Amino acid sequence: IALNIDGSLLASSSDDKTIKIWDLNENQCIQTLQGHLNWVNSVAFSPNGQIIASGSHDKTIRLWDINTGDCLKVLTGHFSTVRSVNFSPDGHILATASDDKTVRLWDIITGECLQVFQGHKDWVQSVAFSSDTTLVSPSTDCTIRIWDIPQGECLKTLQAHEYAVFAVAVSPDGKTIVSASRDQTLRVWDAY
């Protein structure tokens, strides 16, 4: 699920292959977005609230116009399930995480894949921007990687979890990372 910037709209993804947009002031579904061919795993609102990104088991990412419900672009390039989608702070770039063990960056205007980050040895479960120049990705390989976007390389690999790492959150200043794992622990990390 994802909330828009002012908290008035919620987007939910589902195994019924749809994304639903909910008006939280009226407590009702106002739109159903259809087009994916398999489960929808992740949704995110762009920072300006005008676009929703969705990632699916069908190996695609879709960009949707929030006002019309139209699919603006279908992004292809992952070779397996897309687990997570997340917009950059400026809203120009979309990061995606996949079971193909990669993180990809996409230009949301052109739909072009700008960068592919490789290094995880198993599924990448989610992705988060820690700044305009760094990404964080957890994996079922029990690691969290911090990626330098301009250099296209891994800055640091964080290891301490005993089992798959499913989620990360980054503090607003980008200095602290919190990870959640199947080993039933949360860990707090210094990002630098």
Protein backbone atom coordinates (compact mmCIF):
# COMPACT_ATOMS: atom_id res chain seq x y z
CA ILE A 1 0.00 0.00 0.00
CA ALA A 2 1.04 3.63 -0.44
CA LEU A 3 -0.28 7.01 0.67
CA ASN A 4 -0.11 10.17 -1.40
CA ILE A 5 1.75 13.19 0.00
CA ASP A 6 -1.24 14.72 1.85
CA GLY A 7 -2.63 11.40 3.06
CA SER A 8 -5.96 11.79 1.27
CA LEU A 9 -5.48 8.88 -1.14
CA LEU A 10 -4.29 5.34 -0.63
CA ALA A 11 -3.22 2.94 -3.38
CA SER A 12 -3.45 -0.79 -2.73
CA SER A 13 -2.03 -3.65 -4.77
CA SER A 14 -3.57 -7.09 -4.98
CA ASP A 15 -3.26 -10.64 -6.23
CA ASP A 16 -6.37 -9.95 -8.35
CA LYS A 17 -4.01 -8.08 -10.76
CA THR A 18 -5.41 -4.63 -9.91
CA ILE A 19 -4.49 -1.44 -8.11
CA LYS A 20 -7.27 0.28 -6.22
CA ILE A 21 -7.26 3.98 -5.35
CA TRP A 22 -9.09 4.81 -2.12
CA ASP A 23 -10.36 8.22 -1.04
CA LEU A 24 -9.63 8.21 2.68
CA ASN A 25 -11.87 11.21 3.36
CA GLU A 26 -14.87 9.41 1.86
CA ASN A 27 -13.73 5.88 2.84
CA GLN A 28 -14.40 4.50 -0.63
CA CYS A 29 -12.65 3.09 -3.69
CA ILE A 30 -12.68 5.75 -6.40
CA GLN A 31 -10.70 3.96 -9.10
CA THR A 32 -9.52 0.48 -10.12
CA LEU A 33 -6.47 0.30 -12.37
CA GLN A 34 -6.23 -2.78 -14.57
CA GLY A 35 -3.55 -3.96 -16.96
CA HIS A 36 -1.12 -6.22 -15.13
CA LEU A 37 -1.25 -9.90 -16.09
CA ASN A 38 -0.41 -11.27 -12.64
CA TRP A 39 -0.30 -10.25 -8.97
CA VAL A 40 0.59 -6.65 -8.21
CA ASN A 41 3.20 -6.62 -5.44
CA SER A 42 4.04 -2.98 -4.88
CA VAL A 43 2.71 0.53 -5.49
CA ALA A 44 4.15 4.01 -4.95
CA PHE A 45 2.94 7.56 -5.48
CA SER A 46 5.27 10.03 -7.17
CA PRO A 47 6.28 12.92 -4.88
CA ASN A 48 3.90 15.28 -6.73
CA GLY A 49 1.05 12.75 -6.38
CA GLN A 50 0.27 12.68 -10.11
CA ILE A 51 1.68 9.24 -10.98
CA ILE A 52 1.39 5.82 -9.40
CA ALA A 53 4.00 3.16 -10.14
CA SER A 54 3.17 -0.54 -9.77
CA GLY A 55 5.35 -3.66 -9.88
CA SER A 56 4.04 -7.13 -10.62
CA HIS A 57 4.64 -10.86 -10.83
CA ASP A 58 4.22 -10.33 -14.60
CA LYS A 59 7.80 -8.88 -14.56
CA THR A 60 6.62 -5.38 -15.55
CA ILE A 61 6.32 -1.97 -13.98
CA ARG A 62 3.44 0.29 -14.96
CA LEU A 63 3.13 4.04 -14.57
CA TRP A 64 -0.44 5.32 -14.13
CA ASP A 65 -1.98 8.78 -14.39
CA ILE A 66 -3.76 9.29 -11.06
CA ASN A 67 -6.34 11.67 -12.57
CA THR A 68 -7.44 9.59 -15.56
CA GLY A 69 -6.45 6.07 -14.51
CA ASP A 70 -4.66 5.62 -17.85
CA CYS A 71 -1.52 3.52 -18.06
CA LEU A 72 1.17 5.95 -19.21
CA LYS A 73 4.00 3.48 -19.69
CA VAL A 74 4.86 -0.20 -19.29
CA LEU A 75 8.50 -0.68 -18.28
CA THR A 76 10.09 -4.00 -19.19
CA GLY A 77 13.55 -5.38 -18.50
CA HIS A 78 13.34 -7.44 -15.33
CA PHE A 79 13.52 -11.19 -15.87
CA SER A 80 11.40 -12.13 -12.86
CA THR A 81 8.85 -10.80 -10.38
CA VAL A 82 9.08 -7.09 -9.54
CA ARG A 83 8.88 -6.90 -5.73
CA SER A 84 9.18 -3.19 -5.05
CA VAL A 85 8.87 0.24 -6.68
CA ASN A 86 10.00 3.55 -5.22
CA PHE A 87 10.34 7.08 -6.61
CA SER A 88 13.42 9.25 -6.14
CA PRO A 89 12.92 12.30 -3.91
CA ASP A 90 12.71 14.57 -6.99
CA GLY A 91 10.24 12.19 -8.70
CA HIS A 92 12.22 11.87 -11.95
CA ILE A 93 13.59 8.38 -11.36
CA LEU A 94 11.88 5.14 -10.36
CA ALA A 95 13.83 2.39 -8.59
CA THR A 96 12.63 -1.22 -8.82
CA ALA A 97 13.68 -4.42 -7.04
CA SER A 98 13.20 -7.90 -8.47
CA ASP A 99 13.54 -11.62 -7.95
CA ASP A 100 16.06 -11.47 -10.83
CA LYS A 101 18.53 -10.28 -8.13
CA THR A 102 18.78 -6.75 -9.53
CA VAL A 103 17.78 -3.20 -8.73
CA ARG A 104 16.99 -1.02 -11.74
CA LEU A 105 16.60 2.72 -12.21
CA TRP A 106 14.14 4.07 -14.78
CA ASP A 107 13.55 7.49 -16.32
CA ILE A 108 9.82 8.02 -15.77
CA ILE A 109 9.50 10.38 -18.77
CA THR A 110 11.16 8.19 -21.41
CA GLY A 111 10.67 4.79 -19.75
CA GLU A 112 14.34 4.03 -20.40
CA CYS A 113 16.24 1.78 -18.00
CA LEU A 114 19.09 4.01 -16.84
CA GLN A 115 21.02 1.64 -14.62
CA VAL A 116 21.11 -1.96 -13.41
CA PHE A 117 22.67 -2.75 -10.03
CA GLN A 118 23.90 -6.32 -9.65
CA GLY A 119 25.51 -7.97 -6.66
CA HIS A 120 22.79 -9.61 -4.59
CA LYS A 121 22.91 -13.40 -4.68
CA ASP A 122 19.15 -13.90 -4.26
CA TRP A 123 15.84 -12.07 -4.63
CA VAL A 124 15.83 -8.33 -3.92
CA GLN A 125 12.82 -7.66 -1.71
CA SER A 126 12.55 -3.87 -1.68
CA VAL A 127 14.38 -0.67 -2.54
CA ALA A 128 14.57 2.75 -0.89
CA PHE A 129 16.33 5.98 -1.73
CA SER A 130 18.51 7.28 1.09
CA SER A 131 19.27 10.44 -0.93
CA ASP A 132 19.26 11.52 -4.57
CA THR A 133 22.57 9.68 -4.98
CA THR A 134 22.21 6.48 -2.91
CA LEU A 135 19.86 3.50 -2.78
CA VAL A 136 19.36 0.77 -0.20
CA SER A 137 18.21 -2.76 -1.07
CA PRO A 138 17.56 -5.78 1.18
CA SER A 139 17.62 -9.34 -0.14
CA THR A 140 16.79 -12.92 0.71
CA ASP A 141 20.60 -13.41 0.57
CA CYS A 142 20.54 -11.98 4.16
CA THR A 143 22.27 -8.73 3.17
CA ILE A 144 21.45 -5.07 2.70
CA ARG A 145 23.39 -3.22 0.04
CA ILE A 146 23.96 0.52 -0.21
CA TRP A 147 24.41 1.62 -3.83
CA ASP A 148 26.11 4.73 -5.20
CA ILE A 149 23.92 5.90 -8.09
CA PRO A 150 26.43 8.15 -9.95
CA GLN A 151 29.19 5.52 -9.75
CA GLY A 152 26.86 2.55 -10.31
CA GLU A 153 28.50 0.48 -7.62
CA CYS A 154 27.92 -0.99 -4.19
CA LEU A 155 29.32 1.27 -1.47
CA LYS A 156 28.69 -1.08 1.41
CA THR A 157 27.18 -4.48 2.19
CA LEU A 158 25.54 -4.80 5.59
CA GLN A 159 25.47 -8.30 7.07
CA ALA A 160 24.16 -9.48 10.44
CA HIS A 161 20.75 -11.00 9.78
CA GLU A 162 20.53 -14.79 9.90
CA TYR A 163 17.68 -15.08 7.39
CA ALA A 164 16.14 -13.18 4.48
CA VAL A 165 15.85 -9.40 4.81
CA PHE A 166 12.46 -8.23 3.55
CA ALA A 167 12.23 -4.51 4.20
CA VAL A 168 14.23 -1.38 4.89
CA ALA A 169 13.37 2.12 6.00
CA VAL A 170 15.71 5.09 5.77
CA SER A 171 15.67 8.08 8.12
CA PRO A 172 14.82 11.45 6.53
CA ASP A 173 18.46 12.57 6.78
CA GLY A 174 19.62 9.34 5.08
CA LYS A 175 22.05 8.46 7.87
CA THR A 176 20.15 5.61 9.52
CA ILE A 177 18.75 2.43 8.00
CA VAL A 178 16.36 0.06 9.74
CA SER A 179 16.01 -3.47 8.36
CA ALA A 180 13.42 -6.19 9.04
CA SER A 181 14.21 -9.86 8.61
CA ARG A 182 12.65 -13.30 8.68
CA ASP A 183 14.96 -13.93 11.65
CA GLN A 184 12.37 -11.91 13.64
CA THR A 185 14.69 -8.99 14.27
CA LEU A 186 14.88 -5.33 13.36
CA ARG A 187 18.36 -3.90 13.03
CA VAL A 188 19.44 -0.27 13.04
CA TRP A 189 22.44 0.59 10.88
CA ASP A 190 24.70 3.58 10.35
CA ALA A 191 24.44 4.19 6.59
CA TYR A 192 28.00 5.54 6.28
